[in-house]
Every structure is written in C-alpha cells, then in structure tokens.
N, C-alpha and C. Protein backbone atom coordinates (compact mmCIF):
# COMPACT_ATOMS: atom_id res chain seq x y z
N MET A 1 0.82 -1.07 -0.17
CA MET A 1 -0.03 -0.17 0.06
C MET A 1 0.64 1.24 -0.18
N GLU A 2 0.88 1.99 -0.96
CA GLU A 2 1.89 2.91 -1.12
C GLU A 2 0.85 4.38 -0.61
N THR A 3 1.47 4.92 0.12
CA THR A 3 0.74 6.06 0.52
C THR A 3 1.43 7.23 0.93
N GLU A 4 0.50 8.20 1.02
CA GLU A 4 1.86 9.35 1.50
C GLU A 4 1.23 10.40 2.87
N GLY A 5 0.29 8.71 3.77
CA GLY A 5 0.09 9.04 4.97
C GLY A 5 -1.62 8.81 5.16
N PHE A 6 -2.19 9.54 5.93
CA PHE A 6 -3.20 9.10 6.30
C PHE A 6 -4.48 10.48 6.38
N ASP A 7 -5.49 10.18 5.91
CA ASP A 7 -6.29 11.35 5.89
C ASP A 7 -7.45 11.37 7.13
N TRP A 8 -6.98 12.10 8.48
CA TRP A 8 -8.07 11.79 9.88
C TRP A 8 -8.68 13.26 9.91
N ASP A 9 -9.87 13.25 10.29
CA ASP A 9 -10.77 14.58 10.44
C ASP A 9 -11.43 14.39 11.94
N GLU A 10 -12.12 15.03 12.01
CA GLU A 10 -13.01 14.72 12.88
C GLU A 10 -13.88 13.82 13.11
N ALA A 11 -14.73 13.75 11.85
CA ALA A 11 -15.50 12.67 11.72
C ALA A 11 -15.07 10.87 11.94
N ASN A 12 -13.81 10.74 11.22
CA ASN A 12 -13.68 9.44 11.03
C ASN A 12 -12.39 8.90 12.32
N ARG A 13 -12.02 10.23 12.97
CA ARG A 13 -11.00 10.00 14.28
C ARG A 13 -12.49 9.33 15.17
N GLY A 14 -13.24 10.27 15.15
CA GLY A 14 -14.17 9.86 16.37
C GLY A 14 -15.03 8.55 15.92
N HIS A 15 -15.03 8.05 14.93
CA HIS A 15 -15.98 6.73 14.70
C HIS A 15 -14.86 5.53 14.99
N VAL A 16 -13.66 5.64 15.01
CA VAL A 16 -12.77 5.07 15.41
C VAL A 16 -12.38 4.78 17.10
N GLN A 17 -12.63 5.88 17.54
CA GLN A 17 -12.64 6.21 18.94
C GLN A 17 -13.74 5.73 19.52
N ALA A 18 -14.44 5.79 18.89
CA ALA A 18 -16.10 5.18 19.32
C ALA A 18 -16.17 3.96 19.82
N ASN A 19 -15.31 3.13 18.90
CA ASN A 19 -15.13 1.92 18.55
C ASN A 19 -13.85 1.21 19.86
N GLY A 20 -13.22 2.14 20.59
CA GLY A 20 -12.36 1.63 21.51
C GLY A 20 -10.98 1.80 20.67
N LEU A 21 -10.76 2.36 19.67
CA LEU A 21 -9.21 2.41 18.99
C LEU A 21 -8.78 3.67 19.03
N ASP A 22 -7.68 4.09 18.72
CA ASP A 22 -6.87 5.27 18.70
C ASP A 22 -6.20 5.06 17.03
N PRO A 23 -6.54 6.32 16.73
CA PRO A 23 -6.17 6.68 15.02
C PRO A 23 -4.87 6.08 14.91
N ALA A 24 -3.82 5.98 16.19
CA ALA A 24 -2.22 5.74 15.60
C ALA A 24 -2.42 4.17 15.79
N GLU A 25 -3.21 3.30 16.46
CA GLU A 25 -2.95 1.64 16.13
C GLU A 25 -3.74 1.21 14.78
N VAL A 26 -4.98 2.12 14.18
CA VAL A 26 -5.44 2.08 13.00
C VAL A 26 -4.48 2.02 11.90
N GLU A 27 -3.78 3.18 12.24
CA GLU A 27 -2.12 3.40 11.15
C GLU A 27 -1.33 2.11 11.30
N GLN A 28 -1.05 1.68 12.69
CA GLN A 28 -0.11 0.52 12.54
C GLN A 28 -0.75 -0.53 12.19
N ALA A 29 -1.83 -0.82 12.18
CA ALA A 29 -2.66 -2.08 11.49
C ALA A 29 -2.18 -1.97 9.92
N LEU A 30 -2.57 -0.97 9.33
CA LEU A 30 -2.84 -0.68 7.85
C LEU A 30 -1.23 -0.54 7.21
N LEU A 31 -0.54 -0.13 8.25
CA LEU A 31 1.22 -0.35 7.52
C LEU A 31 1.45 -1.51 7.97
N ASP A 32 1.30 -2.60 8.84
CA ASP A 32 1.66 -4.03 9.02
C ASP A 32 1.78 -4.67 7.70
N PRO A 33 3.37 -4.98 7.50
CA PRO A 33 3.68 -5.40 6.31
C PRO A 33 2.99 -6.92 6.16
N ALA A 34 2.33 -7.41 7.29
CA ALA A 34 1.88 -9.25 7.21
C ALA A 34 0.34 -8.95 7.04
N ARG A 35 0.07 -7.53 6.86
CA ARG A 35 -1.88 -7.19 6.76
C ARG A 35 -2.37 -8.06 5.48
N ILE A 36 -3.44 -8.36 5.42
CA ILE A 36 -4.29 -9.33 4.56
C ILE A 36 -5.13 -7.81 4.46
N GLY A 37 -5.26 -8.10 2.76
CA GLY A 37 -5.81 -6.58 2.22
C GLY A 37 -7.13 -7.51 1.36
N ALA A 38 -8.25 -6.61 1.04
CA ALA A 38 -9.51 -7.27 -0.26
C ALA A 38 -10.11 -5.97 -0.42
N SER A 39 -10.76 -6.31 -1.68
CA SER A 39 -11.52 -5.15 -2.04
C SER A 39 -12.76 -5.39 -1.22
N ALA A 40 -13.16 -4.59 -0.70
CA ALA A 40 -14.50 -4.20 0.05
C ALA A 40 -15.82 -3.87 -0.70
N TYR A 41 -16.20 -2.79 -1.09
CA TYR A 41 -17.26 -2.32 -1.51
C TYR A 41 -16.88 -1.01 -2.31
N ASN A 42 -18.32 -0.48 -2.86
CA ASN A 42 -18.10 0.63 -3.62
C ASN A 42 -18.93 1.56 -2.77
N VAL A 43 -19.04 3.09 -2.67
CA VAL A 43 -19.83 3.84 -2.34
C VAL A 43 -19.75 5.24 -3.05
N ALA A 44 -20.73 5.49 -4.14
CA ALA A 44 -20.69 6.65 -4.56
C ALA A 44 -19.57 6.56 -5.60
N GLY A 45 -19.19 5.64 -6.31
CA GLY A 45 -18.09 5.54 -7.15
C GLY A 45 -16.69 5.38 -6.35
N GLU A 46 -16.53 5.37 -5.27
CA GLU A 46 -15.43 5.40 -4.43
C GLU A 46 -15.23 3.71 -4.18
N GLN A 47 -13.90 3.23 -4.44
CA GLN A 47 -13.59 1.99 -3.88
C GLN A 47 -13.21 1.97 -2.45
N ARG A 48 -13.48 1.12 -1.66
CA ARG A 48 -13.52 0.94 -0.14
C ARG A 48 -12.61 -0.43 -0.20
N TRP A 49 -11.63 -0.55 0.76
CA TRP A 49 -10.78 -1.41 1.12
C TRP A 49 -10.89 -2.45 2.33
N ALA A 50 -10.65 -3.43 2.64
CA ALA A 50 -10.97 -3.94 4.01
C ALA A 50 -9.33 -4.31 4.11
N ALA A 51 -8.91 -4.72 5.41
CA ALA A 51 -7.55 -4.82 5.64
C ALA A 51 -7.59 -5.72 7.21
N LEU A 52 -6.92 -6.54 7.36
CA LEU A 52 -6.69 -7.36 8.63
C LEU A 52 -5.22 -7.23 8.86
N GLY A 53 -4.92 -6.27 10.20
CA GLY A 53 -3.99 -5.76 10.76
C GLY A 53 -3.44 -5.97 11.98
N SER A 54 -2.00 -6.22 12.47
CA SER A 54 -1.71 -6.06 13.80
C SER A 54 -1.48 -4.73 13.86
N THR A 55 -1.54 -4.36 15.45
CA THR A 55 -0.71 -2.96 16.05
C THR A 55 0.70 -3.38 16.58
N GLU A 56 1.63 -2.73 16.91
CA GLU A 56 2.44 -2.79 17.42
C GLU A 56 2.67 -3.54 18.62
N ALA A 57 1.59 -3.25 19.68
CA ALA A 57 0.92 -4.38 20.74
C ALA A 57 0.53 -5.68 20.08
N GLY A 58 0.15 -6.33 19.24
CA GLY A 58 -0.23 -7.01 18.61
C GLY A 58 -1.94 -7.81 18.70
N ARG A 59 -2.33 -6.31 18.70
CA ARG A 59 -4.14 -6.46 18.74
C ARG A 59 -4.35 -6.59 17.18
N VAL A 60 -5.13 -7.18 16.71
CA VAL A 60 -5.73 -7.49 15.31
C VAL A 60 -6.81 -6.84 15.47
N LEU A 61 -6.78 -5.90 13.89
CA LEU A 61 -7.98 -4.78 14.01
C LEU A 61 -8.59 -5.43 12.47
N PHE A 62 -9.82 -4.95 12.47
CA PHE A 62 -9.87 -4.95 10.89
C PHE A 62 -10.59 -3.53 10.62
N VAL A 63 -10.01 -3.00 9.42
CA VAL A 63 -9.84 -1.74 9.07
C VAL A 63 -11.03 -1.86 7.57
N VAL A 64 -11.74 -0.55 7.28
CA VAL A 64 -12.23 -0.48 6.19
C VAL A 64 -11.69 0.99 6.01
N PHE A 65 -11.26 0.93 4.56
CA PHE A 65 -10.46 2.54 4.25
C PHE A 65 -10.61 2.51 2.55
N SER A 66 -10.46 3.97 2.52
CA SER A 66 -10.35 4.24 0.77
C SER A 66 -9.02 5.08 0.95
N THR A 67 -8.47 5.44 -0.78
CA THR A 67 -7.62 5.79 -1.32
C THR A 67 -7.46 7.37 -2.00
N ARG A 68 -7.46 8.26 -0.78
CA ARG A 68 -7.77 9.64 -2.01
C ARG A 68 -6.44 10.40 -1.83
N GLY A 69 -6.07 11.38 -3.12
CA GLY A 69 -5.08 11.67 -3.18
C GLY A 69 -3.73 11.17 -3.08
N GLY A 70 -3.75 9.94 -2.72
CA GLY A 70 -2.45 9.10 -2.32
C GLY A 70 -2.45 8.81 -1.07
N ARG A 71 -3.47 9.35 0.02
CA ARG A 71 -3.55 9.40 1.17
C ARG A 71 -4.79 8.23 1.74
N SER A 72 -4.15 7.48 2.83
CA SER A 72 -5.67 6.36 3.30
C SER A 72 -6.20 7.31 4.09
N ARG A 73 -7.69 6.74 3.98
CA ARG A 73 -8.56 7.64 4.87
C ARG A 73 -9.53 6.36 5.09
N VAL A 74 -9.48 6.37 6.57
CA VAL A 74 -10.28 5.38 7.44
C VAL A 74 -11.94 5.48 7.33
N VAL A 75 -12.53 4.91 7.24
CA VAL A 75 -13.88 4.66 7.04
C VAL A 75 -14.43 4.17 8.30
N THR A 76 -14.00 3.11 8.49
CA THR A 76 -14.24 2.42 10.08
C THR A 76 -13.02 1.54 10.30
N ALA A 77 -12.91 1.11 11.55
CA ALA A 77 -12.02 -0.02 12.23
C ALA A 77 -12.44 -0.42 13.53
N ARG A 78 -12.27 -1.62 13.98
CA ARG A 78 -12.65 -2.54 15.10
C ARG A 78 -11.90 -3.50 15.23
N ASP A 79 -12.12 -3.84 16.49
CA ASP A 79 -11.38 -5.05 16.76
C ASP A 79 -11.53 -6.61 16.00
N ALA A 80 -10.59 -7.08 15.42
CA ALA A 80 -10.99 -8.12 14.59
C ALA A 80 -11.93 -9.24 15.30
N THR A 81 -12.64 -10.02 14.72
CA THR A 81 -13.54 -11.10 15.41
C THR A 81 -12.68 -12.50 15.86
N ALA A 82 -12.72 -13.55 16.31
CA ALA A 82 -11.95 -14.74 16.62
C ALA A 82 -11.62 -15.42 15.49
N THR A 83 -12.59 -15.55 14.17
CA THR A 83 -12.30 -15.81 13.32
C THR A 83 -11.50 -15.13 11.98
N GLU A 84 -11.58 -13.64 12.14
CA GLU A 84 -10.85 -13.03 11.50
C GLU A 84 -9.12 -12.98 12.12
N LYS A 85 -8.92 -13.21 13.53
CA LYS A 85 -7.82 -13.26 13.98
C LYS A 85 -7.01 -14.26 13.43
N ARG A 86 -7.94 -15.56 13.66
CA ARG A 86 -7.38 -16.71 13.03
C ARG A 86 -7.03 -16.76 11.73
N ARG A 87 -7.72 -16.24 10.99
CA ARG A 87 -7.26 -15.84 9.58
C ARG A 87 -5.83 -15.45 8.94
N TYR A 88 -6.10 -14.14 10.43
CA TYR A 88 -4.96 -13.22 10.02
C TYR A 88 -3.48 -14.20 10.62
N ARG A 89 -3.68 -15.14 11.27
CA ARG A 89 -2.33 -15.64 12.28
C ARG A 89 -2.14 -17.15 11.51
N LYS A 90 -2.84 -17.24 10.54
CA LYS A 90 -2.87 -18.50 9.80
C LYS A 90 -2.44 -17.95 8.14
N ARG A 91 -2.36 -16.73 7.88
CA ARG A 91 -1.69 -16.40 6.64
C ARG A 91 -0.64 -16.79 6.01
N GLY A 92 -0.58 -17.33 4.78
CA GLY A 92 0.56 -17.98 4.30
C GLY A 92 1.03 -19.30 4.84
N LYS A 93 -0.10 -20.06 5.48
CA LYS A 93 0.59 -21.06 6.15
C LYS A 93 -0.09 -22.38 5.42
C-alpha cells in the first residue's frame, strides 16, 4: 500500500475512537507488512478496501478504508473477530 500518509478529520477519528481504538493503532494495522487486504465495496463510485492487520502491541484490527489523493482515509475500524484473528494468524500457512 503506497500512500503519502493518512487523512484524518473529526468524523473518522471520532468513529474509530467510539470503537475503542486510537487512530495511531489503526495506522499501525494498515502499515503492518503482514496485513491481509481485500476489496470491500463501492460507495458513490469510491472503492473501499478492507484489511486485517496487527498493531505494535499485537492487537489485530479489521479496517475499512479508501484512498484519496494518495492518502489512506479510514472509514471504520474495529477489533477483529475470533475468526478474523485466526485467518490473520494462519496467513501464508
């Protein structure tokens, strides 16, 4: 994922914080070199992507994001479910 950083504002920052996450954790999960990515869905012609990635503390997150102007814009993020955590931990095996 080649980006020039992240696009945070009050809305998306507040959304991830309401889910008990810190924006820095979400960035770590998206920058995780072992993350698993997939196409998610389109909204008004904008492609959304999903990723499972781990923070530096080992917390596995599910993140939905788009890319705008070379920057990642997080739409939502949450802790990964038990099934998603297994999938992340078994990747490449």
